Amino acid sequence: MIRNNLSGLSAMVAFAAAFLVVYAIHPTIWIALVVAALFAAGVFLIMHALFPANADLRAYNLDARRRVKKVLESVDRIQKMAGQVKDPPSREALLEGCRVVPQILDETRTHETMSFKVASTAANMQNYLTSVESVLEVYLRIQQDPDFFTDPDKQLTAGQEGFKEFQGFALKSMQQLTAGDTAGYQANLETLRPLTLPAIPALGGAATAAK
């Protein structure tokens, strides 16, 4: 990511530095702007030649953003359908799972510097969410017209268990991502514990011994 933006960032720094130097020597703002712009353009061309943008990395970044967008769209659809679920625990499980999924993607971006990892996580998450959507769509049909289906109560119960598993999957995935943070958290807690001071003898006992 930094490599792809290196030319632009270098040009901006060069522009600011050149502007300040030229303006200090010749305090005419338009001259300083022209000279700084020419200098920045030169720096941009040089840096672009030395460090060309990585086409593969750009493709990975675009793919990651596209996959994350699809996951968020699925989350939005599931949240809307969850509002129609009459069983409160099932509705809460769906909403909780939807709350955690975007945080999993954010946590992945925080821990992983490579876009392909984000894309891979989003792809796996999308496959899971597609299954959740399919089950939820049928669940709502059974809920609305139970007489149209065989053993509707049994099928609704199976769907409710599936929604709980979705919530558990999301929470477990998040816990796995934050496991490293927890280890560091515990280590930092140890540094906050008060130091154990050596035992100090009672003053009265010390006075008696002196006599």
C-alpha atoms as a PDB file:
ATOM      1  CA  MET A   1       0.000   0.000   0.000  1.00  0.00           C
ATOM      2  CA  ILE A   2       2.761   2.477   0.904  1.00  0.00           C
ATOM      3  CA  ARG A   3       4.758   1.457  -2.160  1.00  0.00           C
ATOM      4  CA  ASN A   4       1.813   2.301  -4.410  1.00  0.00           C
ATOM      5  CA  ASN A   5       1.485   5.771  -2.861  1.00  0.00           C
ATOM      6  CA  LEU A   6       5.201   6.481  -2.504  1.00  0.00           C
ATOM      7  CA  SER A   7       5.451   8.689  -5.600  1.00  0.00           C
ATOM      8  CA  GLY A   8       2.491  10.832  -4.589  1.00  0.00           C
ATOM      9  CA  LEU A   9       3.582  11.153  -0.977  1.00  0.00           C
ATOM     10  CA  SER A  10       7.120  12.092  -1.997  1.00  0.00           C
ATOM     11  CA  ALA A  11       5.784  14.708  -4.405  1.00  0.00           C
ATOM     12  CA  MET A  12       3.627  16.285  -1.694  1.00  0.00           C
ATOM     13  CA  VAL A  13       6.554  16.454   0.728  1.00  0.00           C
ATOM     14  CA  ALA A  14       8.767  17.917  -1.993  1.00  0.00           C
ATOM     15  CA  PHE A  15       6.154  20.518  -2.873  1.00  0.00           C
ATOM     16  CA  ALA A  16       5.793  21.659   0.747  1.00  0.00           C
ATOM     17  CA  ALA A  17       9.556  21.816   1.308  1.00  0.00           C
ATOM     18  CA  ALA A  18      10.254  23.651  -1.961  1.00  0.00           C
ATOM     19  CA  PHE A  19       7.464  26.133  -1.332  1.00  0.00           C
ATOM     20  CA  LEU A  20       8.781  27.016   2.116  1.00  0.00           C
ATOM     21  CA  VAL A  21      12.377  27.400   0.894  1.00  0.00           C
ATOM     22  CA  VAL A  22      11.517  29.491  -2.170  1.00  0.00           C
ATOM     23  CA  TYR A  23       9.039  31.658  -0.278  1.00  0.00           C
ATOM     24  CA  ALA A  24      11.659  32.315   2.417  1.00  0.00           C
ATOM     25  CA  ILE A  25      14.152  33.452  -0.241  1.00  0.00           C
ATOM     26  CA  HIS A  26      11.715  35.278  -2.497  1.00  0.00           C
ATOM     27  CA  PRO A  27       8.476  36.116  -0.638  1.00  0.00           C
ATOM     28  CA  THR A  28       6.204  36.100  -3.693  1.00  0.00           C
ATOM     29  CA  ILE A  29       3.590  33.425  -3.324  1.00  0.00           C
ATOM     30  CA  TRP A  30       2.952  32.696  -7.008  1.00  0.00           C
ATOM     31  CA  ILE A  31       6.653  32.247  -7.759  1.00  0.00           C
ATOM     32  CA  ALA A  32       6.965  29.907  -4.793  1.00  0.00           C
ATOM     33  CA  LEU A  33       3.935  27.930  -5.990  1.00  0.00           C
ATOM     34  CA  VAL A  34       5.260  27.566  -9.558  1.00  0.00           C
ATOM     35  CA  VAL A  35       8.747  26.504  -8.479  1.00  0.00           C
ATOM     36  CA  ALA A  36       7.363  24.094  -5.861  1.00  0.00           C
ATOM     37  CA  ALA A  37       4.959  22.547  -8.385  1.00  0.00           C
ATOM     38  CA  LEU A  38       7.737  21.998 -10.935  1.00  0.00           C
ATOM     39  CA  PHE A  39      10.010  20.508  -8.283  1.00  0.00           C
ATOM     40  CA  ALA A  40       7.224  18.225  -6.996  1.00  0.00           C
ATOM     41  CA  ALA A  41       6.458  17.055 -10.550  1.00  0.00           C
ATOM     42  CA  GLY A  42      10.094  16.160 -11.047  1.00  0.00           C
ATOM     43  CA  VAL A  43      10.240  14.248  -7.784  1.00  0.00           C
ATOM     44  CA  PHE A  44       7.034  12.393  -8.704  1.00  0.00           C
ATOM     45  CA  LEU A  45       8.428  11.271 -12.069  1.00  0.00           C
ATOM     46  CA  ILE A  46      11.710  10.157 -10.532  1.00  0.00           C
ATOM     47  CA  MET A  47      10.062   8.206  -7.718  1.00  0.00           C
ATOM     48  CA  HIS A  48       7.553   6.670 -10.112  1.00  0.00           C
ATOM     49  CA  ALA A  49      10.405   5.434 -12.287  1.00  0.00           C
ATOM     50  CA  LEU A  50      12.365   4.067  -9.330  1.00  0.00           C
ATOM     51  CA  PHE A  51       9.378   2.542  -7.507  1.00  0.00           C
ATOM     52  CA  PRO A  52       6.640   1.646 -10.019  1.00  0.00           C
ATOM     53  CA  ALA A  53       3.249   0.742  -8.569  1.00  0.00           C
ATOM     54  CA  ASN A  54       2.668  -2.939  -7.899  1.00  0.00           C
ATOM     55  CA  ALA A  55      -0.152  -3.997 -10.237  1.00  0.00           C
ATOM     56  CA  ASP A  56      -0.738  -7.254  -8.359  1.00  0.00           C
ATOM     57  CA  LEU A  57      -1.047  -5.444  -5.041  1.00  0.00           C
ATOM     58  CA  ARG A  58      -3.507  -2.973  -6.546  1.00  0.00           C
ATOM     59  CA  ALA A  59      -5.582  -5.878  -7.836  1.00  0.00           C
ATOM     60  CA  TYR A  60      -5.528  -7.493  -4.382  1.00  0.00           C
ATOM     61  CA  ASN A  61      -6.671  -4.216  -2.807  1.00  0.00           C
ATOM     62  CA  LEU A  62      -9.553  -3.871  -5.245  1.00  0.00           C
ATOM     63  CA  ASP A  63     -10.556  -7.497  -4.723  1.00  0.00           C
ATOM     64  CA  ALA A  64     -10.459  -7.086  -0.945  1.00  0.00           C
ATOM     65  CA  ARG A  65     -12.662  -3.991  -1.071  1.00  0.00           C
ATOM     66  CA  ARG A  66     -15.116  -5.696  -3.419  1.00  0.00           C
ATOM     67  CA  ARG A  67     -15.409  -8.774  -1.205  1.00  0.00           C
ATOM     68  CA  VAL A  68     -15.793  -6.711   1.974  1.00  0.00           C
ATOM     69  CA  LYS A  69     -18.561  -4.712   0.304  1.00  0.00           C
ATOM     70  CA  LYS A  70     -20.412  -7.924  -0.581  1.00  0.00           C
ATOM     71  CA  VAL A  71     -20.136  -9.176   3.004  1.00  0.00           C
ATOM     72  CA  LEU A  72     -21.527  -5.908   4.376  1.00  0.00           C
ATOM     73  CA  GLU A  73     -24.402  -6.077   1.891  1.00  0.00           C
ATOM     74  CA  SER A  74     -25.219  -9.618   3.076  1.00  0.00           C
ATOM     75  CA  VAL A  75     -25.074  -8.470   6.690  1.00  0.00           C
ATOM     76  CA  ASP A  76     -27.520  -5.680   5.880  1.00  0.00           C
ATOM     77  CA  ARG A  77     -29.964  -8.105   4.225  1.00  0.00           C
ATOM     78  CA  ILE A  78     -29.792 -10.543   7.140  1.00  0.00           C
ATOM     79  CA  GLN A  79     -30.392  -7.745   9.636  1.00  0.00           C
ATOM     80  CA  LYS A  80     -33.502  -6.635   7.738  1.00  0.00           C
ATOM     81  CA  MET A  81     -34.883 -10.181   7.532  1.00  0.00           C
ATOM     82  CA  ALA A  82     -34.039 -10.814  11.194  1.00  0.00           C
ATOM     83  CA  GLY A  83     -36.557  -8.121  12.113  1.00  0.00           C
ATOM     84  CA  GLN A  84     -39.290 -10.450  10.836  1.00  0.00           C
ATOM     85  CA  VAL A  85     -38.258 -13.401  13.023  1.00  0.00           C
ATOM     86  CA  LYS A  86     -40.824 -13.863  15.781  1.00  0.00           C
ATOM     87  CA  ASP A  87     -38.658 -16.014  18.080  1.00  0.00           C
ATOM     88  CA  PRO A  88     -36.753 -13.492  20.293  1.00  0.00           C
ATOM     89  CA  PRO A  89     -33.626 -15.642  20.964  1.00  0.00           C
ATOM     90  CA  SER A  90     -33.279 -16.413  17.256  1.00  0.00           C
ATOM     91  CA  ARG A  91     -33.709 -12.773  16.320  1.00  0.00           C
ATOM     92  CA  GLU A  92     -31.111 -11.689  18.868  1.00  0.00           C
ATOM     93  CA  ALA A  93     -28.668 -14.394  17.701  1.00  0.00           C
ATOM     94  CA  LEU A  94     -28.945 -13.184  14.118  1.00  0.00           C
ATOM     95  CA  LEU A  95     -28.501  -9.535  15.060  1.00  0.00           C
ATOM     96  CA  GLU A  96     -25.552 -10.301  17.321  1.00  0.00           C
ATOM     97  CA  GLY A  97     -23.853 -12.309  14.602  1.00  0.00           C
ATOM     98  CA  CYS A  98     -24.404  -9.438  12.159  1.00  0.00           C
ATOM     99  CA  ARG A  99     -22.936  -7.006  14.681  1.00  0.00           C
ATOM    100  CA  VAL A 100     -19.754  -9.051  15.042  1.00  0.00           C
ATOM    101  CA  VAL A 101     -19.076  -9.870  11.367  1.00  0.00           C
ATOM    102  CA  PRO A 102     -18.018  -6.322  10.329  1.00  0.00           C
ATOM    103  CA  GLN A 103     -15.783  -6.175  13.380  1.00  0.00           C
ATOM    104  CA  ILE A 104     -14.094  -9.412  12.256  1.00  0.00           C
ATOM    105  CA  LEU A 105     -13.207  -7.741   8.963  1.00  0.00           C
ATOM    106  CA  ASP A 106     -11.939  -4.632  10.761  1.00  0.00           C
ATOM    107  CA  GLU A 107      -9.859  -6.764  13.111  1.00  0.00           C
ATOM    108  CA  THR A 108      -8.426  -8.692  10.160  1.00  0.00           C
ATOM    109  CA  ARG A 109      -7.400  -5.436   8.485  1.00  0.00           C
ATOM    110  CA  THR A 110      -5.761  -4.321  11.729  1.00  0.00           C
ATOM    111  CA  HIS A 111      -3.730  -7.505  12.212  1.00  0.00           C
ATOM    112  CA  GLU A 112      -2.929  -8.349   8.591  1.00  0.00           C
ATOM    113  CA  THR A 113      -0.980  -5.960   6.364  1.00  0.00           C
ATOM    114  CA  MET A 114      -1.611  -7.992   3.199  1.00  0.00           C
ATOM    115  CA  SER A 115      -4.882  -7.395   1.349  1.00  0.00           C
ATOM    116  CA  PHE A 116      -5.126 -11.007   0.168  1.00  0.00           C
ATOM    117  CA  LYS A 117      -5.711 -12.075   3.789  1.00  0.00           C
ATOM    118  CA  VAL A 118      -8.601  -9.632   4.082  1.00  0.00           C
ATOM    119  CA  ALA A 119      -9.979 -10.862   0.754  1.00  0.00           C
ATOM    120  CA  SER A 120      -9.666 -14.488   1.867  1.00  0.00           C
ATOM    121  CA  THR A 121     -11.406 -13.811   5.178  1.00  0.00           C
ATOM    122  CA  ALA A 122     -14.184 -11.893   3.426  1.00  0.00           C
ATOM    123  CA  ALA A 123     -14.648 -14.710   0.895  1.00  0.00           C
ATOM    124  CA  ASN A 124     -14.991 -17.333   3.636  1.00  0.00           C
ATOM    125  CA  MET A 125     -17.345 -15.082   5.557  1.00  0.00           C
ATOM    126  CA  GLN A 126     -19.434 -14.527   2.419  1.00  0.00           C
ATOM    127  CA  ASN A 127     -19.871 -18.263   1.872  1.00  0.00           C
ATOM    128  CA  TYR A 128     -21.119 -18.631   5.433  1.00  0.00           C
ATOM    129  CA  LEU A 129     -23.452 -15.646   5.173  1.00  0.00           C
ATOM    130  CA  THR A 130     -24.923 -16.975   1.928  1.00  0.00           C
ATOM    131  CA  SER A 131     -25.957 -20.109   3.810  1.00  0.00           C
ATOM    132  CA  VAL A 132     -27.414 -18.043   6.643  1.00  0.00           C
ATOM    133  CA  GLU A 133     -29.428 -15.975   4.155  1.00  0.00           C
ATOM    134  CA  SER A 134     -30.783 -19.094   2.430  1.00  0.00           C
ATOM    135  CA  VAL A 135     -31.845 -20.696   5.707  1.00  0.00           C
ATOM    136  CA  LEU A 136     -33.391 -17.454   6.943  1.00  0.00           C
ATOM    137  CA  GLU A 137     -35.420 -16.976   3.755  1.00  0.00           C
ATOM    138  CA  VAL A 138     -36.938 -20.465   4.056  1.00  0.00           C
ATOM    139  CA  TYR A 139     -37.418 -20.008   7.812  1.00  0.00           C
ATOM    140  CA  LEU A 140     -39.503 -16.895   7.223  1.00  0.00           C
ATOM    141  CA  ARG A 141     -41.623 -18.718   4.642  1.00  0.00           C
ATOM    142  CA  ILE A 142     -42.273 -21.546   7.103  1.00  0.00           C
ATOM    143  CA  GLN A 143     -43.048 -19.040   9.841  1.00  0.00           C
ATOM    144  CA  GLN A 144     -45.552 -17.252   7.624  1.00  0.00           C
ATOM    145  CA  ASP A 145     -47.296 -20.339   6.145  1.00  0.00           C
ATOM    146  CA  PRO A 146     -46.523 -23.369   8.341  1.00  0.00           C
ATOM    147  CA  ASP A 147     -49.290 -25.451   6.729  1.00  0.00           C
ATOM    148  CA  PHE A 148     -47.411 -25.417   3.431  1.00  0.00           C
ATOM    149  CA  PHE A 149     -44.507 -27.403   4.918  1.00  0.00           C
ATOM    150  CA  THR A 150     -43.996 -30.853   6.440  1.00  0.00           C
ATOM    151  CA  ASP A 151     -43.141 -30.846  10.164  1.00  0.00           C
ATOM    152  CA  PRO A 152     -43.002 -27.014  10.361  1.00  0.00           C
ATOM    153  CA  ASP A 153     -42.257 -26.947  14.082  1.00  0.00           C
ATOM    154  CA  LYS A 154     -39.312 -29.300  13.635  1.00  0.00           C
ATOM    155  CA  GLN A 155     -37.964 -27.261  10.734  1.00  0.00           C
ATOM    156  CA  LEU A 156     -38.344 -23.992  12.627  1.00  0.00           C
ATOM    157  CA  THR A 157     -36.474 -25.478  15.581  1.00  0.00           C
ATOM    158  CA  ALA A 158     -33.667 -26.597  13.275  1.00  0.00           C
ATOM    159  CA  GLY A 159     -33.468 -23.082  11.851  1.00  0.00           C
ATOM    160  CA  GLN A 160     -33.306 -21.569  15.319  1.00  0.00           C
ATOM    161  CA  GLU A 161     -30.388 -23.832  16.203  1.00  0.00           C
ATOM    162  CA  GLY A 162     -28.665 -22.747  13.016  1.00  0.00           C
ATOM    163  CA  PHE A 163     -29.042 -19.077  13.935  1.00  0.00           C
ATOM    164  CA  LYS A 164     -27.445 -19.753  17.325  1.00  0.00           C
ATOM    165  CA  GLU A 165     -24.564 -21.497  15.555  1.00  0.00           C
ATOM    166  CA  PHE A 166     -24.125 -18.417  13.371  1.00  0.00           C
ATOM    167  CA  GLN A 167     -23.775 -16.258  16.464  1.00  0.00           C
ATOM    168  CA  GLY A 168     -21.324 -18.733  17.994  1.00  0.00           C
ATOM    169  CA  PHE A 169     -19.298 -18.873  14.776  1.00  0.00           C
ATOM    170  CA  ALA A 170     -18.982 -15.088  14.667  1.00  0.00           C
ATOM    171  CA  LEU A 171     -17.970 -14.801  18.320  1.00  0.00           C
ATOM    172  CA  LYS A 172     -15.459 -17.658  18.090  1.00  0.00           C
ATOM    173  CA  SER A 173     -13.890 -16.119  14.977  1.00  0.00           C
ATOM    174  CA  MET A 174     -13.525 -12.806  16.776  1.00  0.00           C
ATOM    175  CA  GLN A 175     -11.988 -14.477  19.826  1.00  0.00           C
ATOM    176  CA  GLN A 176      -9.420 -16.223  17.634  1.00  0.00           C
ATOM    177  CA  LEU A 177      -8.442 -12.915  16.046  1.00  0.00           C
ATOM    178  CA  THR A 178      -8.059 -11.158  19.388  1.00  0.00           C
ATOM    179  CA  ALA A 179      -6.181 -14.012  21.082  1.00  0.00           C
ATOM    180  CA  GLY A 180      -2.876 -12.203  20.563  1.00  0.00           C
ATOM    181  CA  ASP A 181      -4.296  -9.009  22.027  1.00  0.00           C
ATOM    182  CA  THR A 182      -5.461 -10.930  25.091  1.00  0.00           C
ATOM    183  CA  ALA A 183      -1.983 -12.347  25.643  1.00  0.00           C
ATOM    184  CA  GLY A 184      -0.499  -8.863  25.521  1.00  0.00           C
ATOM    185  CA  TYR A 185      -3.290  -7.599  27.769  1.00  0.00           C
ATOM    186  CA  GLN A 186      -2.449 -10.194  30.429  1.00  0.00           C
ATOM    187  CA  ALA A 187       1.250  -9.349  30.219  1.00  0.00           C
ATOM    188  CA  ASN A 188       0.495  -5.654  30.673  1.00  0.00           C
ATOM    189  CA  LEU A 189      -1.757  -6.409  33.646  1.00  0.00           C
ATOM    190  CA  GLU A 190       1.188  -8.047  35.387  1.00  0.00           C
ATOM    191  CA  THR A 191       3.158  -4.795  35.133  1.00  0.00           C
ATOM    192  CA  LEU A 192       0.305  -2.972  36.877  1.00  0.00           C
ATOM    193  CA  ARG A 193       0.353  -5.191  39.936  1.00  0.00           C
ATOM    194  CA  PRO A 194       1.790  -3.405  43.022  1.00  0.00           C
ATOM    195  CA  LEU A 195       5.285  -4.405  44.047  1.00  0.00           C
ATOM    196  CA  THR A 196       5.512  -6.758  47.041  1.00  0.00           C
ATOM    197  CA  LEU A 197       7.344  -4.892  49.790  1.00  0.00           C
ATOM    198  CA  PRO A 198       9.467  -6.759  52.339  1.00  0.00           C
ATOM    199  CA  ALA A 199       7.972  -7.213  55.797  1.00  0.00           C
ATOM    200  CA  ILE A 200       8.803  -4.376  58.186  1.00  0.00           C
ATOM    201  CA  PRO A 201       9.240  -5.367  61.885  1.00  0.00           C
ATOM    202  CA  ALA A 202       6.981  -3.669  64.396  1.00  0.00           C
ATOM    203  CA  LEU A 203       8.451  -0.560  65.996  1.00  0.00           C
ATOM    204  CA  GLY A 204       7.553  -1.751  69.455  1.00  0.00           C
ATOM    205  CA  GLY A 205       9.519  -4.956  69.023  1.00  0.00           C
ATOM    206  CA  ALA A 206      12.506  -3.026  67.757  1.00  0.00           C
ATOM    207  CA  ALA A 207      12.467  -0.726  70.784  1.00  0.00           C
ATOM    208  CA  THR A 208      12.322  -3.670  73.198  1.00  0.00           C
ATOM    209  CA  ALA A 209      15.288  -5.330  71.513  1.00  0.00           C
ATOM    210  CA  ALA A 210      17.330  -2.137  71.837  1.00  0.00           C
ATOM    211  CA  LYS A 211      16.838  -2.128  75.620  1.00  0.00           C
END
